[in-house]
Amino acid sequence: MNGLLAADHGIAGLAAAFVFMVALAWASFVLMKAARPLILHGQGWIWSGLAGILGMTHWPLQLSLGSPAGYPVVGSVLYLFSMVGLAPDDSVLERTPTPAAFWFQRGLFSAVGGTAAGMVCSWLS
């Protein structure tokens, strides 16, 4: 696979792909953290949709740039774990969550679904 970050560029290409993967996961986390007030202001559906879109873009973007196949896996896991840290309160784990926790749960499911969709899109292309 030829690309900007292709492994055939040697150790420099692998290092660049790794830095890009970490930067993409961090940027996604920062964007989700900045958009977190949407949950509290009754616009949790926007936050949930954004979570899914960002989860989906990791795979095609990294693979189109030529990152090794394992890097999107690590980047997606970093993104999903960082989202868990954005939980608004402890009621996320309860049977009857608060409205903010309800939208957070939907956002987390959306991110997992988006990640799965990104994997499928990448493998089909």
Foldseek 3Di string as FASTA:
>chain_A
DDAQLACVVPPVSQVVLLVVLVVLLVVLLVVLLVCLVCLVVVNLVVSLQSLLQSLQPLQVVSVRRHHPPCSSVVSSVSNLVSLVVSQPDDCLPPPDRDSSSVSSVSSSVSSVVSNVNNVVVNVVD
